[in-house]
Amino acid sequence: MPKLFEYLGLVLRFYSNEHESVHVHAFYKENQTKVEFIIENGIITQINYKKIAGFEMIPTEKIKDLETLIEVYKYDIIQLWIKFFVLNEKISCKKIKTKIK
């Protein structure tokens, strides 16, 4: 389960055994939210935030930080998906230590 990003207590990961649409799992403490990317002709047309069975979604006070992280790094996440799932390459975590504006 490779870690992609750490930001303000949020962690984004891939589950290494999943092969469905491009998505990441966002963790904050015991909460987890699935972030799914809808891509048409190489363009992200929609981003969906979904509940995962057995977990509470990321709390509302942290969801804005998650949305900001996703918006800024969405195409990087797609590239990491390709690198990991298509090219079978190792990926490393980016730790973001300052607030994204």
C-alpha atoms as a PDB file:
ATOM      1  CA  MET A   1       0.000   0.000   0.000  1.00  0.00           C
ATOM      2  CA  PRO A   2       2.283   2.800  -1.226  1.00  0.00           C
ATOM      3  CA  LYS A   3       2.033   6.213   0.344  1.00  0.00           C
ATOM      4  CA  LEU A   4       1.841   9.127  -2.119  1.00  0.00           C
ATOM      5  CA  PHE A   5       1.447  12.266  -0.026  1.00  0.00           C
ATOM      6  CA  GLU A   6       1.423  13.429   3.589  1.00  0.00           C
ATOM      7  CA  TYR A   7      -0.211  16.789   4.251  1.00  0.00           C
ATOM      8  CA  LEU A   8      -1.511  18.295   7.509  1.00  0.00           C
ATOM      9  CA  GLY A   9      -2.276  14.863   8.993  1.00  0.00           C
ATOM     10  CA  LEU A  10      -3.796  13.560   5.743  1.00  0.00           C
ATOM     11  CA  VAL A  11      -2.207  10.605   3.985  1.00  0.00           C
ATOM     12  CA  LEU A  12      -2.937   9.537   0.395  1.00  0.00           C
ATOM     13  CA  ARG A  13      -2.303   5.904  -0.556  1.00  0.00           C
ATOM     14  CA  PHE A  14      -2.940   3.388  -3.302  1.00  0.00           C
ATOM     15  CA  TYR A  15      -4.098  -0.102  -2.399  1.00  0.00           C
ATOM     16  CA  SER A  16      -1.680  -2.218  -4.396  1.00  0.00           C
ATOM     17  CA  ASN A  17      -4.215  -4.959  -5.172  1.00  0.00           C
ATOM     18  CA  GLU A  18      -6.865  -2.700  -6.763  1.00  0.00           C
ATOM     19  CA  HIS A  19      -7.246  -2.291 -10.498  1.00  0.00           C
ATOM     20  CA  GLU A  20     -10.437  -0.327 -10.959  1.00  0.00           C
ATOM     21  CA  SER A  21     -10.765   3.285 -12.045  1.00  0.00           C
ATOM     22  CA  VAL A  22      -8.014   5.705 -11.055  1.00  0.00           C
ATOM     23  CA  HIS A  23      -8.458   6.600  -7.398  1.00  0.00           C
ATOM     24  CA  VAL A  24      -6.643   7.120  -4.108  1.00  0.00           C
ATOM     25  CA  HIS A  25      -7.533   6.448  -0.514  1.00  0.00           C
ATOM     26  CA  ALA A  26      -7.281   9.449   1.794  1.00  0.00           C
ATOM     27  CA  PHE A  27      -6.697   8.769   5.488  1.00  0.00           C
ATOM     28  CA  TYR A  28      -7.037  11.065   8.458  1.00  0.00           C
ATOM     29  CA  LYS A  29      -6.685   9.358  11.835  1.00  0.00           C
ATOM     30  CA  GLU A  30      -9.234   6.489  11.738  1.00  0.00           C
ATOM     31  CA  ASN A  31     -11.219   8.045   8.879  1.00  0.00           C
ATOM     32  CA  GLN A  32     -10.921   7.117   5.227  1.00  0.00           C
ATOM     33  CA  THR A  33     -12.361   8.522   2.000  1.00  0.00           C
ATOM     34  CA  LYS A  34     -11.985   7.232  -1.549  1.00  0.00           C
ATOM     35  CA  VAL A  35     -11.167   9.908  -4.128  1.00  0.00           C
ATOM     36  CA  GLU A  36     -12.078   8.760  -7.635  1.00  0.00           C
ATOM     37  CA  PHE A  37     -10.974  10.516 -10.835  1.00  0.00           C
ATOM     38  CA  ILE A  38     -13.183  10.471 -13.933  1.00  0.00           C
ATOM     39  CA  ILE A  39     -10.974  10.960 -16.993  1.00  0.00           C
ATOM     40  CA  GLU A  40     -12.136  11.611 -20.543  1.00  0.00           C
ATOM     41  CA  ASN A  41      -9.646  12.085 -23.385  1.00  0.00           C
ATOM     42  CA  GLY A  42      -6.795  12.592 -20.916  1.00  0.00           C
ATOM     43  CA  ILE A  43      -8.630  15.334 -18.980  1.00  0.00           C
ATOM     44  CA  ILE A  44      -9.966  14.957 -15.451  1.00  0.00           C
ATOM     45  CA  THR A  45     -13.622  15.876 -15.850  1.00  0.00           C
ATOM     46  CA  GLN A  46     -14.842  14.999 -12.366  1.00  0.00           C
ATOM     47  CA  ILE A  47     -13.514  14.098  -8.924  1.00  0.00           C
ATOM     48  CA  ASN A  48     -15.769  12.085  -6.617  1.00  0.00           C
ATOM     49  CA  TYR A  49     -15.332  11.717  -2.850  1.00  0.00           C
ATOM     50  CA  LYS A  50     -16.838   8.436  -1.677  1.00  0.00           C
ATOM     51  CA  LYS A  51     -17.513   6.703   1.611  1.00  0.00           C
ATOM     52  CA  ILE A  52     -15.815   3.373   2.192  1.00  0.00           C
ATOM     53  CA  ALA A  53     -17.757   0.676   4.022  1.00  0.00           C
ATOM     54  CA  GLY A  54     -16.625   0.316   7.604  1.00  0.00           C
ATOM     55  CA  PHE A  55     -15.024   3.775   7.810  1.00  0.00           C
ATOM     56  CA  GLU A  56     -16.235   7.270   8.567  1.00  0.00           C
ATOM     57  CA  MET A  57     -15.422   9.812   5.873  1.00  0.00           C
ATOM     58  CA  ILE A  58     -12.753  12.424   6.503  1.00  0.00           C
ATOM     59  CA  PRO A  59     -14.325  14.984   8.844  1.00  0.00           C
ATOM     60  CA  THR A  60     -15.668  18.225   7.412  1.00  0.00           C
ATOM     61  CA  GLU A  61     -12.998  20.289   9.172  1.00  0.00           C
ATOM     62  CA  LYS A  62     -10.320  18.406   7.147  1.00  0.00           C
ATOM     63  CA  ILE A  63     -12.170  17.900   3.854  1.00  0.00           C
ATOM     64  CA  LYS A  64     -11.164  21.364   2.569  1.00  0.00           C
ATOM     65  CA  ASP A  65      -7.483  20.475   3.085  1.00  0.00           C
ATOM     66  CA  LEU A  66      -8.075  17.210   1.205  1.00  0.00           C
ATOM     67  CA  GLU A  67      -9.856  18.992  -1.660  1.00  0.00           C
ATOM     68  CA  THR A  68      -7.010  21.511  -1.916  1.00  0.00           C
ATOM     69  CA  LEU A  69      -4.396  18.735  -1.945  1.00  0.00           C
ATOM     70  CA  ILE A  70      -6.295  16.839  -4.635  1.00  0.00           C
ATOM     71  CA  GLU A  71      -6.850  19.929  -6.776  1.00  0.00           C
ATOM     72  CA  VAL A  72      -3.185  20.942  -6.744  1.00  0.00           C
ATOM     73  CA  TYR A  73      -1.767  17.430  -7.225  1.00  0.00           C
ATOM     74  CA  LYS A  74      -4.477  15.693  -9.288  1.00  0.00           C
ATOM     75  CA  TYR A  75      -2.351  15.207 -12.405  1.00  0.00           C
ATOM     76  CA  ASP A  76       0.622  14.115 -10.285  1.00  0.00           C
ATOM     77  CA  ILE A  77      -1.645  11.461  -8.750  1.00  0.00           C
ATOM     78  CA  ILE A  78      -2.595  10.246 -12.235  1.00  0.00           C
ATOM     79  CA  GLN A  79       1.086  10.030 -13.192  1.00  0.00           C
ATOM     80  CA  LEU A  80       1.842   8.116  -9.982  1.00  0.00           C
ATOM     81  CA  TRP A  81      -1.034   5.708 -10.804  1.00  0.00           C
ATOM     82  CA  ILE A  82       0.506   5.026 -14.215  1.00  0.00           C
ATOM     83  CA  LYS A  83       3.982   4.655 -12.739  1.00  0.00           C
ATOM     84  CA  PHE A  84       2.801   2.207 -10.066  1.00  0.00           C
ATOM     85  CA  PHE A  85       0.030   0.188 -11.727  1.00  0.00           C
ATOM     86  CA  VAL A  86       1.059   0.282 -15.403  1.00  0.00           C
ATOM     87  CA  LEU A  87       4.851   0.539 -15.320  1.00  0.00           C
ATOM     88  CA  ASN A  88       5.231  -1.398 -12.030  1.00  0.00           C
ATOM     89  CA  GLU A  89       7.690   1.173 -10.709  1.00  0.00           C
ATOM     90  CA  LYS A  90       8.299   2.078  -7.099  1.00  0.00           C
ATOM     91  CA  ILE A  91       6.940   5.429  -5.937  1.00  0.00           C
ATOM     92  CA  SER A  92       7.966   7.557  -2.999  1.00  0.00           C
ATOM     93  CA  CYS A  93       6.002   9.769  -0.658  1.00  0.00           C
ATOM     94  CA  LYS A  94       5.982  13.540  -0.928  1.00  0.00           C
ATOM     95  CA  LYS A  95       5.709  15.206   2.471  1.00  0.00           C
ATOM     96  CA  ILE A  96       4.181  18.661   2.217  1.00  0.00           C
ATOM     97  CA  LYS A  97       5.115  20.656   5.293  1.00  0.00           C
ATOM     98  CA  THR A  98       3.584  24.030   4.510  1.00  0.00           C
ATOM     99  CA  LYS A  99      -0.049  24.948   3.952  1.00  0.00           C
ATOM    100  CA  ILE A 100      -1.087  24.926   0.293  1.00  0.00           C
ATOM    101  CA  LYS A 101      -2.656  28.234  -0.719  1.00  0.00           C
END
